[in-house]
Amino acid sequence: MTFPAYITTSWDDGHPLDHRVAALLSKYRLEGTFYVPATTSDRPTMSAKQLRELSKSFEIGAHTLNHVDLTSVTTETASREIADSKSWIEDSTGVRCECFCPPIGRYRKEHVHMVQRAGYIGLRTVELLAIDFPRSLAGLLHIPTTVQAFPHRRAALARNVIKRMAFGNLWRYIRHGRTADWPALAESLLSQVVARGGVFHLWGHSWELEELDQWQRLESVLRLMGQFARQAPAVSNGQLCRLPMPPVAASGQTVPAAEAAAAGGRR
């Protein structure tokens, strides 16, 4: 059975260089969700004018008000950061904010309930090597990712998989993760999604792209993604959450199983 295929991207921290990412997404007719805090302690964030301009073309998601690690603050502070960041985005842009991403990817079960109660429909995680549709847990759609636009070491990819006991991702790590070169990994997994269905989700930080001189590599990957737009339509994270989920693929198990079957169950 072949499932539908989609492409999505997301970008964290609200740095002014997000507008450079947005220009590349527009160039290749791709969608993206930008997770923006009101402020960060160590890097600049977009001005109110820049945020409003970005929101005219792309989805804006919440990333707490002050870019806080939810696991390091009190319950009351975490709840306020989660709920008030939604209100801040909506007041700033005039557009409903549907998705939330915890800074640094850190959160606990209690925070999931806070996100759900605040009225979000999706929670984007930092799970890597996933090609699953969003998974419904505790009344909230959890959105995993496939590749980060960052030169990870292979050991870092392995730790990300093992920490989550994500066996489908482990299979993909074994099959596709032989290279730590993220554009090559992206090409391999994107081809997998286009051929067999699922979601290819690229994410990153614009400030990191600048610091590590990854812009040219990013454009090569976005160009490739744009070439597959007919077979795998580009959607925002929020649009992805509102798509009808394939009934079996929604469990997050069918696509990895199909990959294993197609490869003869061994690698």
C-alpha atoms as a PDB file:
ATOM      1  CA  MET A   1       0.000   0.000   0.000  1.00  0.00           C
ATOM      2  CA  THR A   2       1.314   3.461  -0.913  1.00  0.00           C
ATOM      3  CA  PHE A   3       0.484   6.374   1.367  1.00  0.00           C
ATOM      4  CA  PRO A   4       0.245  10.031   0.333  1.00  0.00           C
ATOM      5  CA  ALA A   5       3.467  12.018   0.502  1.00  0.00           C
ATOM      6  CA  TYR A   6       3.974  15.551   1.816  1.00  0.00           C
ATOM      7  CA  ILE A   7       6.841  17.968   2.401  1.00  0.00           C
ATOM      8  CA  THR A   8       7.036  20.435   5.273  1.00  0.00           C
ATOM      9  CA  THR A   9       9.703  22.599   6.882  1.00  0.00           C
ATOM     10  CA  SER A  10      10.078  24.454  10.175  1.00  0.00           C
ATOM     11  CA  TRP A  11      12.517  27.023  11.524  1.00  0.00           C
ATOM     12  CA  ASP A  12      13.138  27.903  15.156  1.00  0.00           C
ATOM     13  CA  ASP A  13      14.089  30.932  17.263  1.00  0.00           C
ATOM     14  CA  GLY A  14      12.774  33.861  15.201  1.00  0.00           C
ATOM     15  CA  HIS A  15      16.175  35.234  14.161  1.00  0.00           C
ATOM     16  CA  PRO A  16      16.049  38.065  11.566  1.00  0.00           C
ATOM     17  CA  LEU A  17      17.817  35.723   9.136  1.00  0.00           C
ATOM     18  CA  ASP A  18      14.573  33.736   8.997  1.00  0.00           C
ATOM     19  CA  HIS A  19      13.638  36.139   6.206  1.00  0.00           C
ATOM     20  CA  ARG A  20      16.510  34.738   4.152  1.00  0.00           C
ATOM     21  CA  VAL A  21      15.110  31.238   4.706  1.00  0.00           C
ATOM     22  CA  ALA A  22      11.664  32.510   3.729  1.00  0.00           C
ATOM     23  CA  ALA A  23      13.017  33.941   0.476  1.00  0.00           C
ATOM     24  CA  LEU A  24      14.510  30.554  -0.436  1.00  0.00           C
ATOM     25  CA  LEU A  25      11.280  28.750   0.433  1.00  0.00           C
ATOM     26  CA  SER A  26       9.359  31.152  -1.798  1.00  0.00           C
ATOM     27  CA  LYS A  27      11.889  30.697  -4.595  1.00  0.00           C
ATOM     28  CA  TYR A  28      11.215  26.952  -4.681  1.00  0.00           C
ATOM     29  CA  ARG A  29       7.503  27.226  -3.860  1.00  0.00           C
ATOM     30  CA  LEU A  30       7.792  25.502  -0.518  1.00  0.00           C
ATOM     31  CA  GLU A  31       5.966  26.054   2.765  1.00  0.00           C
ATOM     32  CA  GLY A  32       7.391  26.586   6.215  1.00  0.00           C
ATOM     33  CA  THR A  33       6.378  27.197   9.805  1.00  0.00           C
ATOM     34  CA  PHE A  34       8.512  29.655  11.760  1.00  0.00           C
ATOM     35  CA  TYR A  35       8.527  29.146  15.539  1.00  0.00           C
ATOM     36  CA  VAL A  36       9.159  32.570  17.021  1.00  0.00           C
ATOM     37  CA  PRO A  37       9.647  33.670  20.651  1.00  0.00           C
ATOM     38  CA  ALA A  38       9.103  37.275  21.693  1.00  0.00           C
ATOM     39  CA  THR A  39      12.714  37.452  22.841  1.00  0.00           C
ATOM     40  CA  THR A  40      15.820  35.360  23.447  1.00  0.00           C
ATOM     41  CA  SER A  41      18.605  36.012  25.919  1.00  0.00           C
ATOM     42  CA  ASP A  42      21.552  35.407  23.597  1.00  0.00           C
ATOM     43  CA  ARG A  43      20.460  36.210  20.037  1.00  0.00           C
ATOM     44  CA  PRO A  44      18.417  38.871  18.242  1.00  0.00           C
ATOM     45  CA  THR A  45      14.839  38.176  17.244  1.00  0.00           C
ATOM     46  CA  MET A  46      12.707  39.681  14.510  1.00  0.00           C
ATOM     47  CA  SER A  47      11.088  43.042  15.074  1.00  0.00           C
ATOM     48  CA  ALA A  48       7.299  43.274  15.234  1.00  0.00           C
ATOM     49  CA  LYS A  49       7.308  44.652  11.687  1.00  0.00           C
ATOM     50  CA  GLN A  50       9.466  41.773  10.407  1.00  0.00           C
ATOM     51  CA  LEU A  51       7.205  39.246  12.123  1.00  0.00           C
ATOM     52  CA  ARG A  52       4.062  40.725  10.585  1.00  0.00           C
ATOM     53  CA  GLU A  53       5.699  40.725   7.159  1.00  0.00           C
ATOM     54  CA  LEU A  54       6.716  37.075   7.506  1.00  0.00           C
ATOM     55  CA  SER A  55       3.235  36.083   8.648  1.00  0.00           C
ATOM     56  CA  LYS A  56       1.751  37.321   5.373  1.00  0.00           C
ATOM     57  CA  SER A  57       3.359  34.403   3.521  1.00  0.00           C
ATOM     58  CA  PHE A  58       4.182  31.766   6.143  1.00  0.00           C
ATOM     59  CA  GLU A  59       2.725  30.163   9.221  1.00  0.00           C
ATOM     60  CA  ILE A  60       4.005  31.458  12.561  1.00  0.00           C
ATOM     61  CA  GLY A  61       4.171  29.037  15.469  1.00  0.00           C
ATOM     62  CA  ALA A  62       4.804  29.733  19.145  1.00  0.00           C
ATOM     63  CA  HIS A  63       8.153  29.069  20.841  1.00  0.00           C
ATOM     64  CA  THR A  64       7.387  30.438  24.352  1.00  0.00           C
ATOM     65  CA  LEU A  65       7.654  34.141  25.117  1.00  0.00           C
ATOM     66  CA  ASN A  66      11.248  34.143  26.354  1.00  0.00           C
ATOM     67  CA  HIS A  67      12.732  31.036  24.731  1.00  0.00           C
ATOM     68  CA  VAL A  68      12.776  29.155  28.029  1.00  0.00           C
ATOM     69  CA  ASP A  69      13.655  25.530  28.652  1.00  0.00           C
ATOM     70  CA  LEU A  70      10.292  24.324  29.981  1.00  0.00           C
ATOM     71  CA  THR A  71      11.958  21.649  32.101  1.00  0.00           C
ATOM     72  CA  SER A  72      13.976  24.263  34.014  1.00  0.00           C
ATOM     73  CA  VAL A  73      11.145  26.557  35.173  1.00  0.00           C
ATOM     74  CA  THR A  74       8.204  26.230  37.554  1.00  0.00           C
ATOM     75  CA  THR A  75       4.873  24.794  36.488  1.00  0.00           C
ATOM     76  CA  GLU A  76       3.302  28.237  36.692  1.00  0.00           C
ATOM     77  CA  THR A  77       6.009  29.829  34.541  1.00  0.00           C
ATOM     78  CA  ALA A  78       5.834  27.059  31.956  1.00  0.00           C
ATOM     79  CA  SER A  79       2.065  27.354  31.682  1.00  0.00           C
ATOM     80  CA  ARG A  80       2.288  31.119  31.263  1.00  0.00           C
ATOM     81  CA  GLU A  81       5.077  30.885  28.654  1.00  0.00           C
ATOM     82  CA  ILE A  82       3.067  28.365  26.624  1.00  0.00           C
ATOM     83  CA  ALA A  83      -0.296  30.141  26.745  1.00  0.00           C
ATOM     84  CA  ASP A  84       0.930  33.726  26.518  1.00  0.00           C
ATOM     85  CA  SER A  85       3.176  33.012  23.536  1.00  0.00           C
ATOM     86  CA  LYS A  86       0.085  31.928  21.593  1.00  0.00           C
ATOM     87  CA  SER A  87      -1.696  35.164  22.495  1.00  0.00           C
ATOM     88  CA  TRP A  88       1.389  37.206  21.624  1.00  0.00           C
ATOM     89  CA  ILE A  89       1.703  35.632  18.164  1.00  0.00           C
ATOM     90  CA  GLU A  90      -1.987  36.154  17.440  1.00  0.00           C
ATOM     91  CA  ASP A  91      -1.968  39.746  18.690  1.00  0.00           C
ATOM     92  CA  SER A  92       1.183  40.520  16.687  1.00  0.00           C
ATOM     93  CA  THR A  93       0.103  38.961  13.398  1.00  0.00           C
ATOM     94  CA  GLY A  94      -3.691  38.900  13.485  1.00  0.00           C
ATOM     95  CA  VAL A  95      -3.519  35.227  12.507  1.00  0.00           C
ATOM     96  CA  ARG A  96      -4.465  32.205  14.591  1.00  0.00           C
ATOM     97  CA  CYS A  97      -1.472  30.340  16.064  1.00  0.00           C
ATOM     98  CA  GLU A  98      -2.019  26.574  15.893  1.00  0.00           C
ATOM     99  CA  CYS A  99       1.379  24.980  16.540  1.00  0.00           C
ATOM    100  CA  PHE A 100       3.884  25.087  19.384  1.00  0.00           C
ATOM    101  CA  CYS A 101       7.527  24.021  19.550  1.00  0.00           C
ATOM    102  CA  PRO A 102       9.318  23.707  22.930  1.00  0.00           C
ATOM    103  CA  PRO A 103      12.677  25.517  22.931  1.00  0.00           C
ATOM    104  CA  ILE A 104      15.673  23.159  22.796  1.00  0.00           C
ATOM    105  CA  GLY A 105      13.147  20.366  22.225  1.00  0.00           C
ATOM    106  CA  ARG A 106      12.743  19.834  25.981  1.00  0.00           C
ATOM    107  CA  TYR A 107       9.419  19.157  27.638  1.00  0.00           C
ATOM    108  CA  ARG A 108       7.655  16.744  29.971  1.00  0.00           C
ATOM    109  CA  LYS A 109       4.241  15.096  29.945  1.00  0.00           C
ATOM    110  CA  GLU A 110       2.766  17.893  32.052  1.00  0.00           C
ATOM    111  CA  HIS A 111       3.803  20.402  29.381  1.00  0.00           C
ATOM    112  CA  VAL A 112       1.990  18.438  26.684  1.00  0.00           C
ATOM    113  CA  HIS A 113      -1.244  18.923  28.631  1.00  0.00           C
ATOM    114  CA  MET A 114      -0.497  22.643  28.979  1.00  0.00           C
ATOM    115  CA  VAL A 115      -0.008  22.939  25.214  1.00  0.00           C
ATOM    116  CA  GLN A 116      -3.289  21.141  24.590  1.00  0.00           C
ATOM    117  CA  ARG A 117      -5.195  23.288  27.109  1.00  0.00           C
ATOM    118  CA  ALA A 118      -3.772  26.476  25.577  1.00  0.00           C
ATOM    119  CA  GLY A 119      -5.599  25.624  22.334  1.00  0.00           C
ATOM    120  CA  TYR A 120      -2.822  24.468  20.030  1.00  0.00           C
ATOM    121  CA  ILE A 121      -3.444  21.552  17.682  1.00  0.00           C
ATOM    122  CA  GLY A 122       0.182  20.541  17.033  1.00  0.00           C
ATOM    123  CA  LEU A 123       3.423  20.168  18.980  1.00  0.00           C
ATOM    124  CA  ARG A 124       6.579  20.000  16.895  1.00  0.00           C
ATOM    125  CA  THR A 125       9.324  17.898  18.421  1.00  0.00           C
ATOM    126  CA  VAL A 126      13.021  17.415  17.626  1.00  0.00           C
ATOM    127  CA  GLU A 127      12.665  13.710  16.891  1.00  0.00           C
ATOM    128  CA  LEU A 128      14.855  13.031  13.839  1.00  0.00           C
ATOM    129  CA  LEU A 129      14.728  10.482  10.997  1.00  0.00           C
ATOM    130  CA  ALA A 130      10.934  10.190  11.183  1.00  0.00           C
ATOM    131  CA  ILE A 131       8.746  10.172   8.080  1.00  0.00           C
ATOM    132  CA  ASP A 132       5.494   9.670   9.970  1.00  0.00           C
ATOM    133  CA  PHE A 133       2.347  11.738   9.851  1.00  0.00           C
ATOM    134  CA  PRO A 134       1.618  13.624  13.098  1.00  0.00           C
ATOM    135  CA  ARG A 135       0.761  11.253  15.951  1.00  0.00           C
ATOM    136  CA  SER A 136      -2.183  11.934  18.237  1.00  0.00           C
ATOM    137  CA  LEU A 137      -1.180  11.746  21.909  1.00  0.00           C
ATOM    138  CA  ALA A 138      -3.052  13.294  24.850  1.00  0.00           C
ATOM    139  CA  GLY A 139      -5.386  15.159  22.502  1.00  0.00           C
ATOM    140  CA  LEU A 140      -2.508  16.803  20.650  1.00  0.00           C
ATOM    141  CA  LEU A 141      -0.813  16.031  17.343  1.00  0.00           C
ATOM    142  CA  HIS A 142       2.926  15.458  17.821  1.00  0.00           C
ATOM    143  CA  ILE A 143       4.915  16.453  14.725  1.00  0.00           C
ATOM    144  CA  PRO A 144       8.275  14.667  14.342  1.00  0.00           C
ATOM    145  CA  THR A 145      11.028  15.739  11.961  1.00  0.00           C
ATOM    146  CA  THR A 146      13.152  13.976   9.365  1.00  0.00           C
ATOM    147  CA  VAL A 147      16.372  15.950   8.908  1.00  0.00           C
ATOM    148  CA  GLN A 148      17.890  18.964  10.626  1.00  0.00           C
ATOM    149  CA  ALA A 149      19.854  21.426   8.500  1.00  0.00           C
ATOM    150  CA  PHE A 150      22.885  20.902  10.683  1.00  0.00           C
ATOM    151  CA  PRO A 151      26.047  18.787  10.310  1.00  0.00           C
ATOM    152  CA  HIS A 152      25.347  16.237  13.045  1.00  0.00           C
ATOM    153  CA  ARG A 153      27.809  13.488  13.820  1.00  0.00           C
ATOM    154  CA  ARG A 154      26.442   9.987  13.247  1.00  0.00           C
ATOM    155  CA  ALA A 155      26.590   9.363  17.008  1.00  0.00           C
ATOM    156  CA  ALA A 156      24.212  12.293  17.602  1.00  0.00           C
ATOM    157  CA  LEU A 157      21.665  10.801  15.190  1.00  0.00           C
ATOM    158  CA  ALA A 158      21.963   7.453  16.946  1.00  0.00           C
ATOM    159  CA  ARG A 159      21.401   9.044  20.371  1.00  0.00           C
ATOM    160  CA  ASN A 160      18.301  10.862  19.093  1.00  0.00           C
ATOM    161  CA  VAL A 161      16.834   7.557  17.918  1.00  0.00           C
ATOM    162  CA  ILE A 162      17.794   5.463  20.948  1.00  0.00           C
ATOM    163  CA  LYS A 163      16.552   8.050  23.455  1.00  0.00           C
ATOM    164  CA  ARG A 164      13.055   7.801  21.990  1.00  0.00           C
ATOM    165  CA  MET A 165      13.090   4.025  21.401  1.00  0.00           C
ATOM    166  CA  ALA A 166      11.820   4.867  17.915  1.00  0.00           C
ATOM    167  CA  PHE A 167      12.333   1.583  16.117  1.00  0.00           C
ATOM    168  CA  GLY A 168      11.124   2.825  12.731  1.00  0.00           C
ATOM    169  CA  ASN A 169      13.658   5.651  12.981  1.00  0.00           C
ATOM    170  CA  LEU A 170      16.311   3.142  14.026  1.00  0.00           C
ATOM    171  CA  TRP A 171      15.622   1.206  10.830  1.00  0.00           C
ATOM    172  CA  ARG A 172      16.022   4.373   8.795  1.00  0.00           C
ATOM    173  CA  TYR A 173      19.230   5.221  10.645  1.00  0.00           C
ATOM    174  CA  ILE A 174      20.646   1.804   9.734  1.00  0.00           C
ATOM    175  CA  ARG A 175      19.506   2.080   6.135  1.00  0.00           C
ATOM    176  CA  HIS A 176      20.064   5.753   5.386  1.00  0.00           C
ATOM    177  CA  GLY A 177      22.269   7.118   8.159  1.00  0.00           C
ATOM    178  CA  ARG A 178      25.597   5.845   6.877  1.00  0.00           C
ATOM    179  CA  THR A 179      26.510   9.415   6.095  1.00  0.00           C
ATOM    180  CA  ALA A 180      26.512  12.331   8.503  1.00  0.00           C
ATOM    181  CA  ASP A 181      26.228  14.683   5.512  1.00  0.00           C
ATOM    182  CA  TRP A 182      22.791  16.149   6.037  1.00  0.00           C
ATOM    183  CA  PRO A 183      22.059  17.054   2.366  1.00  0.00           C
ATOM    184  CA  ALA A 184      22.850  13.468   1.327  1.00  0.00           C
ATOM    185  CA  LEU A 185      20.679  12.121   4.145  1.00  0.00           C
ATOM    186  CA  ALA A 186      17.892  14.493   3.102  1.00  0.00           C
ATOM    187  CA  GLU A 187      18.059  13.335  -0.516  1.00  0.00           C
ATOM    188  CA  SER A 188      17.907   9.676   0.514  1.00  0.00           C
ATOM    189  CA  LEU A 189      14.952  10.089   2.881  1.00  0.00           C
ATOM    190  CA  LEU A 190      13.084  12.456   0.556  1.00  0.00           C
ATOM    191  CA  SER A 191      13.307   9.853  -2.203  1.00  0.00           C
ATOM    192  CA  GLN A 192      11.936   7.297   0.271  1.00  0.00           C
ATOM    193  CA  VAL A 193       8.943   9.480   1.100  1.00  0.00           C
ATOM    194  CA  VAL A 194       8.155  10.257  -2.533  1.00  0.00           C
ATOM    195  CA  ALA A 195       8.334   6.558  -3.452  1.00  0.00           C
ATOM    196  CA  ARG A 196       6.361   5.091  -0.546  1.00  0.00           C
ATOM    197  CA  GLY A 197       4.547   7.945   1.169  1.00  0.00           C
ATOM    198  CA  GLY A 198       4.853   9.736   4.477  1.00  0.00           C
ATOM    199  CA  VAL A 199       6.120  13.156   5.493  1.00  0.00           C
ATOM    200  CA  PHE A 200       9.542  14.644   4.797  1.00  0.00           C
ATOM    201  CA  HIS A 201      10.161  17.342   7.409  1.00  0.00           C
ATOM    202  CA  LEU A 202      13.254  19.551   7.212  1.00  0.00           C
ATOM    203  CA  TRP A 203      13.950  21.894  10.122  1.00  0.00           C
ATOM    204  CA  GLY A 204      16.694  24.161  11.399  1.00  0.00           C
ATOM    205  CA  HIS A 205      17.832  27.541  12.712  1.00  0.00           C
ATOM    206  CA  SER A 206      18.716  30.398  10.394  1.00  0.00           C
ATOM    207  CA  TRP A 207      21.388  31.700  12.773  1.00  0.00           C
ATOM    208  CA  GLU A 208      23.013  28.260  12.740  1.00  0.00           C
ATOM    209  CA  LEU A 209      22.995  28.197   8.939  1.00  0.00           C
ATOM    210  CA  GLU A 210      24.887  31.492   9.042  1.00  0.00           C
ATOM    211  CA  GLU A 211      27.382  30.471  11.719  1.00  0.00           C
ATOM    212  CA  LEU A 212      28.188  27.143  10.044  1.00  0.00           C
ATOM    213  CA  ASP A 213      28.070  28.428   6.447  1.00  0.00           C
ATOM    214  CA  GLN A 214      25.260  26.088   5.400  1.00  0.00           C
ATOM    215  CA  TRP A 215      23.295  28.385   3.082  1.00  0.00           C
ATOM    216  CA  GLN A 216      24.494  26.872  -0.168  1.00  0.00           C
ATOM    217  CA  ARG A 217      23.772  23.378   1.099  1.00  0.00           C
ATOM    218  CA  LEU A 218      20.332  24.462   2.259  1.00  0.00           C
ATOM    219  CA  GLU A 219      19.498  25.878  -1.151  1.00  0.00           C
ATOM    220  CA  SER A 220      20.550  22.655  -2.875  1.00  0.00           C
ATOM    221  CA  VAL A 221      18.197  20.661  -0.627  1.00  0.00           C
ATOM    222  CA  LEU A 222      15.317  23.113  -1.058  1.00  0.00           C
ATOM    223  CA  ARG A 223      15.807  23.029  -4.822  1.00  0.00           C
ATOM    224  CA  LEU A 224      15.501  19.241  -4.734  1.00  0.00           C
ATOM    225  CA  MET A 225      12.407  19.432  -2.541  1.00  0.00           C
ATOM    226  CA  GLY A 226      10.823  21.864  -4.971  1.00  0.00           C
ATOM    227  CA  GLN A 227      11.363  19.414  -7.815  1.00  0.00           C
ATOM    228  CA  PHE A 228       9.200  16.860  -5.992  1.00  0.00           C
ATOM    229  CA  ALA A 229       6.330  19.268  -5.262  1.00  0.00           C
ATOM    230  CA  ARG A 230       3.933  17.510  -7.625  1.00  0.00           C
ATOM    231  CA  GLN A 231       4.466  14.081  -6.067  1.00  0.00           C
ATOM    232  CA  ALA A 232       4.719  15.443  -2.510  1.00  0.00           C
ATOM    233  CA  PRO A 233       2.830  18.720  -1.997  1.00  0.00           C
ATOM    234  CA  ALA A 234       4.401  21.284   0.325  1.00  0.00           C
ATOM    235  CA  VAL A 235       2.378  22.166   3.430  1.00  0.00           C
ATOM    236  CA  SER A 236       2.946  24.078   6.654  1.00  0.00           C
ATOM    237  CA  ASN A 237       3.040  22.252   9.984  1.00  0.00           C
ATOM    238  CA  GLY A 238      -0.481  23.447  10.752  1.00  0.00           C
ATOM    239  CA  GLN A 239      -1.787  22.366   7.356  1.00  0.00           C
ATOM    240  CA  LEU A 240      -0.163  18.983   7.901  1.00  0.00           C
ATOM    241  CA  CYS A 241      -2.060  18.591  11.168  1.00  0.00           C
ATOM    242  CA  ARG A 242      -5.354  19.309   9.409  1.00  0.00           C
ATOM    243  CA  LEU A 243      -4.869  16.749   6.649  1.00  0.00           C
ATOM    244  CA  PRO A 244      -6.818  13.480   6.844  1.00  0.00           C
ATOM    245  CA  MET A 245      -4.386  10.939   8.265  1.00  0.00           C
ATOM    246  CA  PRO A 246      -4.005   7.543   6.605  1.00  0.00           C
ATOM    247  CA  PRO A 247      -5.727   5.275   9.174  1.00  0.00           C
ATOM    248  CA  VAL A 248      -2.855   2.856   9.658  1.00  0.00           C
ATOM    249  CA  ALA A 249       0.014   5.256   9.020  1.00  0.00           C
ATOM    250  CA  ALA A 250      -1.309   7.457  11.837  1.00  0.00           C
ATOM    251  CA  SER A 251       0.038   4.895  14.297  1.00  0.00           C
ATOM    252  CA  GLY A 252       3.558   5.585  13.073  1.00  0.00           C
ATOM    253  CA  GLN A 253       4.182   1.895  12.382  1.00  0.00           C
ATOM    254  CA  THR A 254       3.064   1.140   8.856  1.00  0.00           C
ATOM    255  CA  VAL A 255       5.571   3.133   6.843  1.00  0.00           C
ATOM    256  CA  PRO A 256       8.633   1.660   8.606  1.00  0.00           C
ATOM    257  CA  ALA A 257       7.131  -1.815   8.220  1.00  0.00           C
ATOM    258  CA  ALA A 258       6.601  -1.213   4.519  1.00  0.00           C
ATOM    259  CA  GLU A 259      10.237  -0.115   4.196  1.00  0.00           C
ATOM    260  CA  ALA A 260      11.434  -3.299   5.873  1.00  0.00           C
ATOM    261  CA  ALA A 261       9.228  -5.443   3.668  1.00  0.00           C
ATOM    262  CA  ALA A 262      10.447  -3.692   0.532  1.00  0.00           C
ATOM    263  CA  ALA A 263      14.051  -4.350   1.575  1.00  0.00           C
ATOM    264  CA  GLY A 264      13.393  -7.996   2.333  1.00  0.00           C
ATOM    265  CA  GLY A 265      13.281  -7.343   6.075  1.00  0.00           C
ATOM    266  CA  ARG A 266      17.039  -7.104   6.478  1.00  0.00           C
ATOM    267  CA  ARG A 267      19.797  -4.578   6.002  1.00  0.00           C
END
